[in-house]
Amino acid sequence: METCLQEKKAELQVVTDNLRDTKEQQLSAKNSTLKQLEKKLKGQSDYEEVKKELSILKSMEGAASERSGLQDTSKTLEALLLENYHSLQSKNATLRITNSGLSDPRSF
């Protein structure tokens, strides 16, 4: 009878060890998946910033198209940005001249 109990105890120990090993493997696999997902999430963490920049670029592209009066889709985004940059430089220069004229006491 005592040997029968010892055999049952040994069988239960084997089953318990196998179950523990299986659970450890599952945990390891889930930890690996979690690390991969965290890495992917970190790579996409600037989504909102990129989305905002894209919106700005699209609005600049639309404004450049409206100014030209043509829907010239052959222009690259770089060319449109350069046009917008030159336009802003011109406006900046005009505003500086206007501002310096207003602040010059001899102009009154």
C-alpha atoms as a PDB file:
ATOM      1  CA  MET A   1       0.000   0.000   0.000  1.00  0.00           C
ATOM      2  CA  GLU A   2       2.803   2.390   0.870  1.00  0.00           C
ATOM      3  CA  THR A   3       4.564   1.677  -2.406  1.00  0.00           C
ATOM      4  CA  CYS A   4       1.324   2.334  -4.271  1.00  0.00           C
ATOM      5  CA  LEU A   5       1.080   5.758  -2.630  1.00  0.00           C
ATOM      6  CA  GLN A   6       4.700   6.465  -3.469  1.00  0.00           C
ATOM      7  CA  GLU A   7       4.053   5.539  -7.114  1.00  0.00           C
ATOM      8  CA  LYS A   8       1.002   7.822  -7.249  1.00  0.00           C
ATOM      9  CA  LYS A   9       3.042  10.608  -5.643  1.00  0.00           C
ATOM     10  CA  ALA A  10       5.786  10.131  -8.233  1.00  0.00           C
ATOM     11  CA  GLU A  11       3.235  10.168 -11.063  1.00  0.00           C
ATOM     12  CA  LEU A  12       1.679  13.358  -9.709  1.00  0.00           C
ATOM     13  CA  GLN A  13       5.133  14.929  -9.415  1.00  0.00           C
ATOM     14  CA  VAL A  14       5.847  14.117 -13.087  1.00  0.00           C
ATOM     15  CA  VAL A  15       2.491  15.536 -14.173  1.00  0.00           C
ATOM     16  CA  THR A  16       3.068  18.653 -12.048  1.00  0.00           C
ATOM     17  CA  ASP A  17       6.590  19.115 -13.459  1.00  0.00           C
ATOM     18  CA  ASN A  18       5.307  18.755 -17.031  1.00  0.00           C
ATOM     19  CA  LEU A  19       2.524  21.218 -16.387  1.00  0.00           C
ATOM     20  CA  ARG A  20       4.945  23.710 -14.828  1.00  0.00           C
ATOM     21  CA  ASP A  21       7.317  23.351 -17.799  1.00  0.00           C
ATOM     22  CA  THR A  22       4.437  23.931 -20.230  1.00  0.00           C
ATOM     23  CA  LYS A  23       3.312  27.032 -18.341  1.00  0.00           C
ATOM     24  CA  GLU A  24       6.873  28.384 -18.221  1.00  0.00           C
ATOM     25  CA  GLN A  25       7.178  27.921 -21.986  1.00  0.00           C
ATOM     26  CA  GLN A  26       3.856  29.705 -22.525  1.00  0.00           C
ATOM     27  CA  LEU A  27       4.979  32.539 -20.256  1.00  0.00           C
ATOM     28  CA  SER A  28       8.268  32.843 -22.105  1.00  0.00           C
ATOM     29  CA  ALA A  29       6.457  32.980 -25.462  1.00  0.00           C
ATOM     30  CA  LYS A  30       4.066  35.644 -24.167  1.00  0.00           C
ATOM     31  CA  ASN A  31       6.954  37.699 -22.767  1.00  0.00           C
ATOM     32  CA  SER A  32       8.683  37.499 -26.146  1.00  0.00           C
ATOM     33  CA  THR A  33       5.502  38.626 -27.915  1.00  0.00           C
ATOM     34  CA  LEU A  34       5.094  41.451 -25.406  1.00  0.00           C
ATOM     35  CA  LYS A  35       8.646  42.672 -26.043  1.00  0.00           C
ATOM     36  CA  GLN A  36       8.046  42.603 -29.810  1.00  0.00           C
ATOM     37  CA  LEU A  37       4.815  44.576 -29.443  1.00  0.00           C
ATOM     38  CA  GLU A  38       6.465  47.105 -27.117  1.00  0.00           C
ATOM     39  CA  LYS A  39       9.249  47.579 -29.678  1.00  0.00           C
ATOM     40  CA  LYS A  40       6.678  48.056 -32.448  1.00  0.00           C
ATOM     41  CA  LEU A  41       4.735  50.536 -30.311  1.00  0.00           C
ATOM     42  CA  LYS A  42       7.896  52.489 -29.540  1.00  0.00           C
ATOM     43  CA  GLY A  43       8.616  52.669 -33.278  1.00  0.00           C
ATOM     44  CA  GLN A  44       5.163  54.169 -33.833  1.00  0.00           C
ATOM     45  CA  SER A  45       5.220  56.535 -30.862  1.00  0.00           C
ATOM     46  CA  ASP A  46       5.680  59.600 -33.065  1.00  0.00           C
ATOM     47  CA  TYR A  47       2.482  58.878 -35.021  1.00  0.00           C
ATOM     48  CA  GLU A  48       0.656  62.005 -33.855  1.00  0.00           C
ATOM     49  CA  GLU A  49       3.640  64.229 -34.692  1.00  0.00           C
ATOM     50  CA  VAL A  50       4.018  62.713 -38.164  1.00  0.00           C
ATOM     51  CA  LYS A  51       0.271  63.039 -38.720  1.00  0.00           C
ATOM     52  CA  LYS A  52       0.419  66.746 -37.799  1.00  0.00           C
ATOM     53  CA  GLU A  53       3.428  67.353 -40.066  1.00  0.00           C
ATOM     54  CA  LEU A  54       1.694  65.577 -42.949  1.00  0.00           C
ATOM     55  CA  SER A  55      -1.379  67.739 -42.451  1.00  0.00           C
ATOM     56  CA  ILE A  56       0.783  70.869 -42.558  1.00  0.00           C
ATOM     57  CA  LEU A  57       2.548  69.689 -45.703  1.00  0.00           C
ATOM     58  CA  LYS A  58      -0.770  68.893 -47.372  1.00  0.00           C
ATOM     59  CA  SER A  59      -2.141  72.326 -46.519  1.00  0.00           C
ATOM     60  CA  MET A  60       1.016  73.954 -47.866  1.00  0.00           C
ATOM     61  CA  GLU A  61       0.714  71.894 -51.032  1.00  0.00           C
ATOM     62  CA  GLY A  62      -2.927  72.938 -51.381  1.00  0.00           C
ATOM     63  CA  ALA A  63      -2.081  76.605 -50.824  1.00  0.00           C
ATOM     64  CA  ALA A  64       0.646  76.431 -53.462  1.00  0.00           C
ATOM     65  CA  SER A  65      -1.783  74.856 -55.921  1.00  0.00           C
ATOM     66  CA  GLU A  66      -4.367  77.561 -55.260  1.00  0.00           C
ATOM     67  CA  ARG A  67      -1.787  80.323 -55.807  1.00  0.00           C
ATOM     68  CA  SER A  68      -0.694  78.926 -59.131  1.00  0.00           C
ATOM     69  CA  GLY A  69      -4.276  78.489 -60.295  1.00  0.00           C
ATOM     70  CA  LEU A  70      -3.289  75.178 -61.797  1.00  0.00           C
ATOM     71  CA  GLN A  71      -3.520  71.712 -60.401  1.00  0.00           C
ATOM     72  CA  ASP A  72       0.017  70.843 -61.468  1.00  0.00           C
ATOM     73  CA  THR A  73       0.611  67.505 -59.826  1.00  0.00           C
ATOM     74  CA  SER A  74       3.951  67.053 -61.540  1.00  0.00           C
ATOM     75  CA  LYS A  75       5.656  69.369 -59.038  1.00  0.00           C
ATOM     76  CA  THR A  76       7.389  67.596 -56.258  1.00  0.00           C
ATOM     77  CA  LEU A  77       6.681  68.365 -52.650  1.00  0.00           C
ATOM     78  CA  GLU A  78      10.201  69.739 -52.387  1.00  0.00           C
ATOM     79  CA  ALA A  79       9.511  72.236 -55.170  1.00  0.00           C
ATOM     80  CA  LEU A  80       6.259  73.301 -53.520  1.00  0.00           C
ATOM     81  CA  LEU A  81       8.003  73.776 -50.187  1.00  0.00           C
ATOM     82  CA  LEU A  82      10.716  75.815 -51.877  1.00  0.00           C
ATOM     83  CA  GLU A  83       8.095  78.050 -53.527  1.00  0.00           C
ATOM     84  CA  ASN A  84       6.360  78.522 -50.200  1.00  0.00           C
ATOM     85  CA  TYR A  85       9.693  79.300 -48.529  1.00  0.00           C
ATOM     86  CA  HIS A  86      10.505  81.998 -51.094  1.00  0.00           C
ATOM     87  CA  SER A  87       7.040  83.469 -50.737  1.00  0.00           C
ATOM     88  CA  LEU A  88       7.418  83.639 -46.970  1.00  0.00           C
ATOM     89  CA  GLN A  89      10.865  85.215 -47.310  1.00  0.00           C
ATOM     90  CA  SER A  90       9.403  87.892 -49.562  1.00  0.00           C
ATOM     91  CA  LYS A  91       6.591  88.602 -47.101  1.00  0.00           C
ATOM     92  CA  ASN A  92       9.096  88.722 -44.256  1.00  0.00           C
ATOM     93  CA  ALA A  93      11.244  91.267 -46.106  1.00  0.00           C
ATOM     94  CA  THR A  94       8.200  93.412 -46.868  1.00  0.00           C
ATOM     95  CA  LEU A  95       7.106  93.351 -43.239  1.00  0.00           C
ATOM     96  CA  ARG A  96      10.609  94.279 -42.048  1.00  0.00           C
ATOM     97  CA  ILE A  97      10.702  97.263 -44.389  1.00  0.00           C
ATOM     98  CA  THR A  98       7.247  98.331 -43.255  1.00  0.00           C
ATOM     99  CA  ASN A  99       8.198  97.857 -39.623  1.00  0.00           C
ATOM    100  CA  SER A 100      11.439  99.798 -39.944  1.00  0.00           C
ATOM    101  CA  GLY A 101       9.523 102.622 -41.632  1.00  0.00           C
ATOM    102  CA  LEU A 102       7.065 102.754 -38.742  1.00  0.00           C
ATOM    103  CA  SER A 103       9.767 102.776 -36.084  1.00  0.00           C
ATOM    104  CA  ASP A 104      11.900 105.470 -37.827  1.00  0.00           C
ATOM    105  CA  PRO A 105      11.092 108.835 -36.118  1.00  0.00           C
ATOM    106  CA  ARG A 106      12.013 110.749 -39.295  1.00  0.00           C
ATOM    107  CA  SER A 107       9.087 109.160 -41.148  1.00  0.00           C
ATOM    108  CA  PHE A 108       6.552 111.111 -39.070  1.00  0.00           C
END
